[in-house]
Amino acid sequence: MKAYETYDDLPKIKLPHGKEIFISDSTIRDGAQMPGIVLKSGHKVKIYDYLHDIGIEKLETFVYNERDRKAIELMLDRGYEFPEVTGWARATPSDIDLVLDIDEIKETGILMSVSDVHMFDKMGLESREAAEDKYLGALQYAVDHGLKTRAHIEDMTRADNYGFVYPFIKKILEIDPDCTIRLCDTIGYGVPFAGVDEPYGIPSMVQYTKNELGAKNIETHCHDDFGFAFANSIAGYWYGANWSNVTFLGIGERSGNAEMEKLLLFLSRRVEGFDKYNIESITEFARFLQKEVGIRVPRNKAVVGKNVFAHESGIHAAGAIRNPFTYEPYPPEVVGGERVFLVGDSSGIDVLRHKVQEMLNDLIGAHIEVEKKDSRLRSIQKDIQKLYDMEKRVSCISDEEIQAYVEKYYLFMPIVEKDMSRESIYSEEYTNGGSEDDD
């Protein structure tokens, strides 16, 4: 009989193709197009540092303006081998020349929109043949000038794949057999289910490109409009892709992209043979983007949300206290997270003291020890217990409410209320109101 009692008891999944797989990042390219945010050069370099610490293999970036080029220069000055900095270009020689102007960049992506709505309505091209000529001409220009290439097959999940896209990809591979074919689910229509074909099925798309067209390098680039971006990225690997292009926190246009942190966690904890990525900094990475760039991280967001390792009072918290494996799928330190316990109707003074001290230190910006006998702490405990006693409360006390109590009893009252010769005026209340062991 199998017994799963620790994290190490759980078996890991094996990818069926047994080949090495990689991750490329588009946080500072596609992610930077997220409405309402601006990535400064310093932000991009810091993101690059985090990606280096994690072990991401490639990063793509725009090269159009001075700010782009400044960030590239600063990144290259780091001297890292990984992530490799790669360029991005529309299918024009002038765009590719901008990439060629930076000697250290050896690879570029080339945008190749393949759905009729993109070719005709967006780009104003006259025919599919005109689009094909334009894209292949740009690809040939890049290859002739010594660049490695990635063909960004944009909007493939709304395109005529058998009638146009697959024959087109075959011509790409004739020009550059090593070209990475990026299958782009631009509007999130793709699905990860085997047996679904034209034009939505990511598995069939990857399999055809690999088995029928002979592509050596296949990459997925998935958007999250229907919530399938992460699942489609995993499906890509499962059916033969060796690259996935993602953004950290899934930032990007509309609903964003496949989330890097989910992919990293899944590969590192659930898939056999993936110890090359260091994911201990990803919670810190998320906090950086929230604080410095203004990207809000929901509390319940998988992997990096503040509630991922939060436990309320009762059976759930009790189980987690005795053995975190009871309710935590992986230890907090794996992603640089922290286990927290929330205050409820059965919480003792020690848990409340921990929360009050934590909140007070955050508010003041200095380390302050809150004594267990502190009458203000006992006053907070009484106020909270009164809510439950009067049956006005059916949930735990939120951090925001704890903060309000701390502000009321600690910030609006003096923190020090005694001198060397006499007790605090608050200690009288403590003496009359309870004992040290009252939990």
Protein backbone atom coordinates (compact mmCIF):
# COMPACT_ATOMS: atom_id res chain seq x y z
CA MET A 1 0.00 0.00 0.00
CA LYS A 2 1.34 3.42 -0.96
CA ALA A 3 1.57 6.03 1.76
CA TYR A 4 1.98 9.69 0.88
CA GLU A 5 3.03 11.27 4.16
CA THR A 6 5.78 13.67 3.09
CA TYR A 7 6.60 15.75 0.04
CA ASP A 8 9.32 13.27 -0.92
CA ASP A 9 6.80 10.41 -1.03
CA LEU A 10 4.97 11.92 -3.99
CA PRO A 11 6.08 10.67 -7.42
CA LYS A 12 7.06 13.06 -10.19
CA ILE A 13 5.65 13.19 -13.70
CA LYS A 14 7.81 12.24 -16.68
CA LEU A 15 7.58 14.24 -19.88
CA PRO A 16 6.96 11.73 -22.67
CA HIS A 17 9.56 12.92 -25.18
CA GLY A 18 12.52 12.88 -22.81
CA LYS A 19 14.24 15.85 -24.41
CA GLU A 20 15.63 18.93 -22.72
CA ILE A 21 13.23 21.86 -22.51
CA PHE A 22 13.84 25.57 -21.98
CA ILE A 23 12.14 28.83 -21.02
CA SER A 24 12.39 32.17 -22.78
CA ASP A 25 11.18 35.38 -21.16
CA SER A 26 9.12 38.20 -22.63
CA THR A 27 8.50 40.21 -19.47
CA ILE A 28 10.34 43.29 -20.71
CA ARG A 29 9.01 42.95 -24.27
CA ASP A 30 5.44 41.63 -24.37
CA GLY A 31 4.94 42.17 -20.65
CA ALA A 32 5.96 45.82 -20.94
CA GLN A 33 2.97 46.38 -23.23
CA MET A 34 0.59 45.83 -20.30
CA PRO A 35 -1.68 48.90 -20.12
CA GLY A 36 -0.92 51.23 -17.24
CA ILE A 37 2.69 50.31 -16.51
CA VAL A 38 6.01 51.74 -17.63
CA LEU A 39 9.22 49.75 -17.30
CA LYS A 40 12.19 52.06 -16.84
CA SER A 41 15.70 50.97 -17.76
CA GLY A 42 16.45 50.26 -14.11
CA HIS A 43 13.36 48.06 -13.85
CA LYS A 44 14.42 46.05 -16.88
CA VAL A 45 17.92 45.48 -15.53
CA LYS A 46 16.55 44.36 -12.17
CA ILE A 47 14.18 41.97 -13.94
CA TYR A 48 17.18 40.69 -15.88
CA ASP A 49 18.99 40.09 -12.58
CA TYR A 50 16.08 38.05 -11.23
CA LEU A 51 15.87 36.01 -14.43
CA HIS A 52 19.60 35.33 -14.17
CA ASP A 53 19.22 34.15 -10.58
CA ILE A 54 16.42 31.82 -11.63
CA GLY A 55 18.35 30.42 -14.60
CA ILE A 56 16.08 31.45 -17.49
CA GLU A 57 17.80 30.70 -20.80
CA LYS A 58 16.70 33.59 -23.03
CA LEU A 59 15.17 37.03 -22.83
CA GLU A 60 13.70 39.05 -25.69
CA THR A 61 13.58 42.80 -25.86
CA PHE A 62 12.64 45.68 -28.11
CA VAL A 63 15.48 47.69 -29.66
CA TYR A 64 13.51 50.64 -31.02
CA ASN A 65 14.20 53.62 -28.78
CA GLU A 66 16.98 55.04 -26.65
CA ARG A 67 15.48 53.66 -23.44
CA ASP A 68 15.42 50.14 -24.96
CA ARG A 69 19.03 50.37 -26.04
CA LYS A 70 20.14 51.82 -22.70
CA ALA A 71 18.55 48.88 -20.89
CA ILE A 72 20.20 46.42 -23.28
CA GLU A 73 23.60 48.02 -22.70
CA LEU A 74 23.16 47.82 -18.93
CA MET A 75 22.06 44.19 -19.14
CA LEU A 76 24.97 43.20 -21.34
CA ASP A 77 27.37 44.98 -18.97
CA ARG A 78 26.36 42.44 -16.32
CA GLY A 79 28.39 39.86 -18.23
CA TYR A 80 25.90 37.04 -17.64
CA GLU A 81 25.90 34.02 -19.91
CA PHE A 82 22.16 33.60 -19.25
CA PRO A 83 19.62 34.83 -20.03
CA GLU A 84 20.83 35.39 -23.56
CA VAL A 85 19.58 38.81 -24.69
CA THR A 86 17.76 38.50 -28.02
CA GLY A 87 16.05 41.05 -30.23
CA TRP A 88 12.60 41.41 -31.74
CA ALA A 89 11.66 42.87 -35.10
CA ARG A 90 8.80 43.33 -37.47
CA ALA A 91 9.31 41.66 -40.83
CA THR A 92 11.25 44.52 -42.39
CA PRO A 93 14.96 44.94 -43.10
CA SER A 94 14.95 48.30 -41.29
CA ASP A 95 13.79 46.66 -38.05
CA ILE A 96 16.36 43.91 -38.41
CA ASP A 97 19.05 46.54 -38.97
CA LEU A 98 18.25 47.94 -35.50
CA VAL A 99 19.01 44.52 -34.05
CA LEU A 100 22.18 44.21 -36.13
CA ASP A 101 23.36 47.56 -34.74
CA ILE A 102 23.89 45.86 -31.38
CA ASP A 103 26.81 43.54 -32.00
CA GLU A 104 26.27 41.44 -28.88
CA ILE A 105 22.78 40.35 -29.97
CA LYS A 106 23.03 37.19 -32.06
CA GLU A 107 19.37 36.24 -32.40
CA THR A 108 16.14 37.99 -33.29
CA GLY A 109 12.49 37.15 -33.34
CA ILE A 110 10.58 38.20 -36.45
CA LEU A 111 6.86 38.91 -36.29
CA MET A 112 4.90 36.96 -38.92
CA SER A 113 1.15 37.45 -38.60
CA VAL A 114 -0.71 34.58 -40.27
CA SER A 115 -4.44 35.01 -39.64
CA ASP A 116 -6.41 36.72 -42.38
CA VAL A 117 -7.68 39.42 -40.01
CA HIS A 118 -4.10 40.31 -39.09
CA MET A 119 -2.69 40.15 -42.59
CA PHE A 120 -5.47 42.07 -44.28
CA ASP A 121 -7.08 44.33 -41.68
CA LYS A 122 -4.08 45.05 -39.45
CA MET A 123 -1.27 45.08 -41.97
CA GLY A 124 -3.18 46.02 -45.13
CA LEU A 125 -1.57 43.33 -47.25
CA GLU A 126 -3.23 42.35 -50.51
CA SER A 127 -2.99 38.57 -50.23
CA ARG A 128 -1.58 35.65 -48.32
CA GLU A 129 1.10 35.37 -50.97
CA ALA A 130 2.14 38.98 -50.35
CA ALA A 131 2.42 38.26 -46.63
CA GLU A 132 4.48 35.16 -47.27
CA ASP A 133 6.87 37.05 -49.56
CA LYS A 134 7.28 39.80 -46.98
CA TYR A 135 8.01 37.42 -44.11
CA LEU A 136 10.35 35.15 -46.01
CA GLY A 137 12.24 38.14 -47.38
CA ALA A 138 12.82 39.46 -43.85
CA LEU A 139 13.88 36.03 -42.63
CA GLN A 140 16.37 35.66 -45.49
CA TYR A 141 17.76 39.13 -44.72
CA ALA A 142 18.34 38.19 -41.07
CA VAL A 143 19.99 34.87 -41.97
CA ASP A 144 22.17 36.51 -44.61
CA HIS A 145 23.44 38.91 -41.95
CA GLY A 146 24.34 36.13 -39.55
CA LEU A 147 21.45 36.23 -37.10
CA LYS A 148 19.80 33.22 -35.53
CA THR A 149 16.05 33.47 -35.94
CA ARG A 150 12.74 32.84 -34.22
CA ALA A 151 9.66 33.00 -36.41
CA HIS A 152 6.74 34.40 -34.42
CA ILE A 153 3.73 32.79 -36.11
CA GLU A 154 1.20 35.28 -34.77
CA ASP A 155 -2.49 34.43 -34.29
CA MET A 156 -2.09 30.83 -35.38
CA THR A 157 -5.18 29.71 -33.46
CA ARG A 158 -7.34 31.79 -35.82
CA ALA A 159 -5.51 30.95 -39.03
CA ASP A 160 -5.88 28.52 -41.93
CA ASN A 161 -3.07 26.27 -40.77
CA TYR A 162 -3.28 23.42 -43.29
CA GLY A 163 -4.11 25.70 -46.19
CA PHE A 164 -1.53 28.41 -45.48
CA VAL A 165 0.48 28.30 -42.25
CA TYR A 166 2.04 24.83 -42.37
CA PRO A 167 3.23 25.19 -46.00
CA PHE A 168 4.62 28.59 -45.00
CA ILE A 169 6.50 27.15 -42.01
CA LYS A 170 8.00 24.54 -44.32
CA LYS A 171 9.45 27.36 -46.44
CA ILE A 172 10.82 29.04 -43.30
CA LEU A 173 12.68 25.85 -42.39
CA GLU A 174 14.10 25.59 -45.90
CA ILE A 175 15.73 29.00 -45.37
CA ASP A 176 16.78 28.36 -41.75
CA PRO A 177 16.51 24.74 -40.58
CA ASP A 178 17.48 25.84 -37.05
CA CYS A 179 14.83 28.54 -36.84
CA THR A 180 12.74 28.35 -33.65
CA ILE A 181 9.10 28.17 -34.73
CA ARG A 182 7.05 30.11 -32.19
CA LEU A 183 3.41 29.01 -32.26
CA CYS A 184 1.49 32.04 -31.00
CA ASP A 185 -1.93 31.71 -29.40
CA THR A 186 -2.37 35.47 -29.68
CA ILE A 187 -5.99 35.80 -28.52
CA GLY A 188 -6.07 32.79 -26.22
CA TYR A 189 -8.26 30.56 -28.40
CA GLY A 190 -5.96 27.57 -28.07
CA VAL A 191 -6.88 24.54 -25.97
CA PRO A 192 -4.57 21.90 -24.43
CA PHE A 193 -6.71 18.88 -25.35
CA ALA A 194 -5.43 16.04 -27.49
CA GLY A 195 -7.68 15.28 -30.46
CA VAL A 196 -8.68 18.91 -31.09
CA ASP A 197 -7.34 20.00 -34.46
CA GLU A 198 -7.73 23.05 -36.72
CA PRO A 199 -7.26 25.72 -35.57
CA TYR A 200 -7.38 25.52 -31.77
CA GLY A 201 -5.52 22.40 -30.69
CA ILE A 202 -2.09 23.17 -29.24
CA PRO A 203 -1.14 19.44 -29.10
CA SER A 204 -1.96 18.86 -32.78
CA MET A 205 -0.22 22.10 -33.76
CA VAL A 206 2.99 21.10 -31.98
CA GLN A 207 2.88 17.53 -33.24
CA TYR A 208 2.38 18.54 -36.88
CA THR A 209 5.17 21.11 -36.72
CA LYS A 210 7.51 18.58 -35.16
CA ASN A 211 6.61 15.35 -36.95
CA GLU A 212 5.41 16.50 -40.38
CA LEU A 213 7.46 19.66 -40.89
CA GLY A 214 10.57 18.52 -39.05
CA ALA A 215 11.12 21.62 -36.92
CA LYS A 216 14.01 21.16 -34.49
CA ASN A 217 12.95 23.95 -32.16
CA ILE A 218 9.32 24.66 -31.33
CA GLU A 219 8.15 27.28 -28.87
CA THR A 220 4.70 28.13 -27.54
CA HIS A 221 3.62 31.70 -26.79
CA CYS A 222 0.20 31.64 -25.12
CA HIS A 223 -2.16 34.39 -23.99
CA ASP A 224 -4.61 33.98 -21.15
CA ASP A 225 -7.89 35.39 -22.49
CA PHE A 226 -9.70 32.11 -21.77
CA GLY A 227 -7.50 31.16 -18.82
CA PHE A 228 -5.61 28.40 -20.65
CA ALA A 229 -2.21 30.02 -21.15
CA PHE A 230 -0.34 28.00 -18.52
CA ALA A 231 -2.11 24.75 -19.46
CA ASN A 232 -1.36 25.33 -23.14
CA SER A 233 2.31 25.93 -22.33
CA ILE A 234 2.51 22.64 -20.46
CA ALA A 235 0.68 20.91 -23.32
CA GLY A 236 3.29 22.31 -25.69
CA TYR A 237 6.07 20.61 -23.73
CA TRP A 238 4.02 17.45 -23.34
CA TYR A 239 3.54 17.01 -27.09
CA GLY A 240 7.04 17.94 -28.25
CA ALA A 241 7.83 21.65 -27.97
CA ASN A 242 11.20 22.35 -26.37
CA TRP A 243 10.62 26.04 -25.58
CA SER A 244 7.94 28.05 -23.85
CA ASN A 245 7.81 31.84 -23.97
CA VAL A 246 6.29 33.39 -20.86
CA THR A 247 6.20 36.52 -18.69
CA PHE A 248 6.63 36.83 -14.96
CA LEU A 249 3.24 37.17 -13.23
CA GLY A 250 1.76 36.66 -16.69
CA ILE A 251 1.87 40.41 -17.39
CA GLY A 252 1.07 41.60 -20.87
CA GLU A 253 -1.73 42.93 -23.03
CA ARG A 254 -5.36 42.21 -22.11
CA SER A 255 -5.39 39.15 -19.82
CA GLY A 256 -1.65 38.69 -20.18
CA ASN A 257 0.55 35.72 -20.98
CA ALA A 258 1.39 32.34 -19.52
CA GLU A 259 2.81 32.86 -16.03
CA MET A 260 6.47 32.04 -15.62
CA GLU A 261 6.20 31.41 -11.89
CA LYS A 262 3.58 28.69 -12.42
CA LEU A 263 5.68 27.04 -15.09
CA LEU A 264 8.79 27.14 -12.91
CA LEU A 265 7.00 25.70 -9.91
CA PHE A 266 5.37 22.94 -11.93
CA LEU A 267 8.63 21.91 -13.58
CA SER A 268 10.67 22.11 -10.40
CA ARG A 269 8.24 20.33 -8.06
CA ARG A 270 6.11 18.07 -10.25
CA VAL A 271 8.26 17.01 -13.22
CA GLU A 272 11.20 14.62 -13.04
CA GLY A 273 14.66 15.96 -13.74
CA PHE A 274 14.18 19.71 -13.31
CA ASP A 275 16.64 21.01 -10.78
CA LYS A 276 18.25 23.60 -13.04
CA TYR A 277 15.94 26.46 -12.06
CA ASN A 278 16.37 28.28 -8.74
CA ILE A 279 12.91 29.43 -7.74
CA GLU A 280 13.65 30.69 -4.22
CA SER A 281 13.57 34.33 -5.36
CA ILE A 282 10.24 34.35 -7.20
CA THR A 283 8.20 35.67 -4.28
CA GLU A 284 10.73 38.48 -3.86
CA PHE A 285 10.55 39.07 -7.63
CA ALA A 286 6.78 39.45 -7.39
CA ARG A 287 7.08 41.91 -4.50
CA PHE A 288 9.55 43.96 -6.55
CA LEU A 289 7.16 44.24 -9.49
CA GLN A 290 4.33 45.19 -7.15
CA LYS A 291 6.27 47.82 -5.23
CA GLU A 292 8.43 49.34 -7.95
CA VAL A 293 6.33 48.89 -11.10
CA GLY A 294 2.84 49.00 -9.59
CA ILE A 295 1.63 45.57 -10.71
CA ARG A 296 -0.94 44.45 -8.17
CA VAL A 297 -0.47 40.85 -7.02
CA PRO A 298 -3.80 39.40 -5.77
CA ARG A 299 -3.58 37.80 -2.34
CA ASN A 300 -4.85 34.49 -3.67
CA LYS A 301 -2.60 34.40 -6.75
CA ALA A 302 -0.97 31.00 -7.13
CA VAL A 303 2.69 30.65 -6.14
CA VAL A 304 3.38 34.28 -5.10
CA GLY A 305 0.15 35.57 -3.49
CA LYS A 306 0.27 36.46 0.21
CA ASN A 307 -2.44 33.92 1.03
CA VAL A 308 -0.66 30.94 -0.52
CA PHE A 309 0.69 29.91 2.90
CA ALA A 310 -1.92 31.60 5.08
CA HIS A 311 -3.96 29.52 7.54
CA GLU A 312 -6.96 30.46 9.66
CA SER A 313 -7.74 29.15 13.12
CA GLY A 314 -9.43 25.80 13.46
CA ILE A 315 -8.81 22.40 11.91
CA HIS A 316 -6.97 23.80 8.89
CA ALA A 317 -4.49 25.83 10.92
CA ALA A 318 -4.11 23.08 13.49
CA GLY A 319 -3.21 20.58 10.77
CA ALA A 320 -0.71 22.97 9.22
CA ILE A 321 0.89 23.67 12.60
CA ARG A 322 1.35 19.97 13.34
CA ASN A 323 2.50 19.07 9.83
CA PRO A 324 2.53 21.64 7.00
CA PHE A 325 2.21 18.80 4.45
CA THR A 326 -1.39 18.45 5.63
CA TYR A 327 -2.51 21.56 3.74
CA GLU A 328 0.52 22.94 1.90
CA PRO A 329 1.44 21.44 -1.50
CA TYR A 330 5.04 22.57 -1.13
CA PRO A 331 7.06 24.32 1.62
CA PRO A 332 7.06 28.15 1.58
CA GLU A 333 10.85 28.36 1.34
CA VAL A 334 10.74 26.69 -2.08
CA VAL A 335 9.50 29.97 -3.57
CA GLY A 336 10.79 32.31 -0.88
CA GLY A 337 7.36 32.55 0.74
CA GLU A 338 6.37 32.68 4.40
CA ARG A 339 3.82 30.74 6.39
CA VAL A 340 1.28 32.90 8.26
CA PHE A 341 -1.54 32.18 10.64
CA LEU A 342 -4.61 34.41 10.79
CA VAL A 343 -6.50 35.50 13.90
CA GLY A 344 -9.88 33.88 14.47
CA ASP A 345 -12.27 33.27 17.35
CA SER A 346 -10.09 30.49 18.80
CA SER A 347 -6.73 32.21 18.41
CA GLY A 348 -4.67 32.57 21.60
CA ILE A 349 -2.69 35.56 22.77
CA ASP A 350 0.56 34.27 21.24
CA VAL A 351 -0.83 34.30 17.70
CA LEU A 352 -2.37 37.72 18.24
CA ARG A 353 0.89 39.03 19.69
CA HIS A 354 2.77 37.81 16.61
CA LYS A 355 0.32 39.55 14.27
CA VAL A 356 0.28 42.81 16.27
CA GLN A 357 4.05 42.95 16.47
CA GLU A 358 4.41 42.19 12.76
CA MET A 359 1.94 44.95 11.84
CA LEU A 360 3.46 47.46 14.25
CA ASN A 361 6.94 46.90 12.89
CA ASP A 362 5.67 47.40 9.33
CA LEU A 363 3.91 50.63 10.24
CA ILE A 364 6.77 52.18 12.19
CA GLY A 365 9.59 50.77 10.10
CA ALA A 366 11.55 49.65 13.14
CA HIS A 367 11.78 46.49 15.20
CA ILE A 368 9.62 46.66 18.32
CA GLU A 369 8.99 43.84 20.77
CA VAL A 370 5.44 43.58 22.03
CA GLU A 371 5.29 41.96 25.44
CA LYS A 372 2.70 39.31 26.12
CA LYS A 373 1.56 41.24 29.23
CA ASP A 374 1.05 44.49 27.29
CA SER A 375 -2.41 45.74 28.26
CA ARG A 376 -2.95 47.18 24.79
CA LEU A 377 -2.53 43.72 23.35
CA ARG A 378 -5.10 42.42 25.82
CA SER A 379 -7.45 45.23 24.84
CA ILE A 380 -7.23 44.18 21.21
CA GLN A 381 -7.91 40.59 22.23
CA LYS A 382 -11.01 41.68 24.16
CA ASP A 383 -12.31 43.76 21.25
CA ILE A 384 -11.89 40.86 18.85
CA GLN A 385 -13.42 38.31 21.20
CA LYS A 386 -16.40 40.62 21.74
CA LEU A 387 -17.15 40.47 18.00
CA TYR A 388 -17.39 36.69 18.17
CA ASP A 389 -19.23 36.64 21.49
CA MET A 390 -21.90 38.97 20.10
CA GLU A 391 -22.03 36.81 16.94
CA LYS A 392 -21.24 39.75 14.72
CA ARG A 393 -18.40 37.88 13.10
CA VAL A 394 -18.23 34.64 11.11
CA SER A 395 -14.75 35.00 9.57
CA CYS A 396 -11.15 35.57 10.62
CA ILE A 397 -9.79 39.03 11.37
CA SER A 398 -8.10 40.50 8.33
CA ASP A 399 -4.69 42.13 8.27
CA GLU A 400 -6.39 45.45 7.56
CA GLU A 401 -8.45 45.11 10.73
CA ILE A 402 -5.40 44.12 12.76
CA GLN A 403 -3.74 47.26 11.40
CA ALA A 404 -6.69 49.38 12.54
CA TYR A 405 -6.46 47.92 16.04
CA VAL A 406 -2.71 48.55 16.12
CA GLU A 407 -3.20 52.15 15.00
CA LYS A 408 -5.89 52.67 17.64
CA TYR A 409 -4.05 51.19 20.61
CA TYR A 410 -0.39 51.71 19.69
CA LEU A 411 -0.06 54.69 17.35
CA PHE A 412 -2.74 56.91 18.84
CA MET A 413 -1.55 56.10 22.36
CA PRO A 414 2.05 56.47 23.55
CA ILE A 415 4.13 53.37 23.03
CA VAL A 416 6.03 54.05 26.28
CA GLU A 417 3.80 54.82 29.27
CA LYS A 418 6.09 54.15 32.21
CA ASP A 419 9.33 55.29 33.74
CA MET A 420 11.90 53.47 35.81
CA SER A 421 10.02 53.98 39.10
CA ARG A 422 6.42 53.01 38.43
CA GLU A 423 4.17 50.74 36.42
CA SER A 424 2.52 51.81 33.21
CA ILE A 425 -0.94 53.28 33.59
CA TYR A 426 -2.01 50.44 31.29
CA SER A 427 -0.62 47.72 33.54
CA GLU A 428 -3.40 48.39 36.05
CA GLU A 429 -5.91 47.44 33.40
CA TYR A 430 -3.92 44.28 32.72
CA THR A 431 -3.84 43.40 36.42
CA ASN A 432 -7.59 43.79 36.69
CA GLY A 433 -8.40 42.24 33.35
CA GLY A 434 -6.76 38.83 33.05
CA SER A 435 -3.85 36.56 33.75
CA GLU A 436 -0.69 35.81 31.79
CA ASP A 437 -1.82 32.29 31.02
CA ASP A 438 -5.22 33.34 29.67
CA ASP A 439 -5.06 32.10 26.06
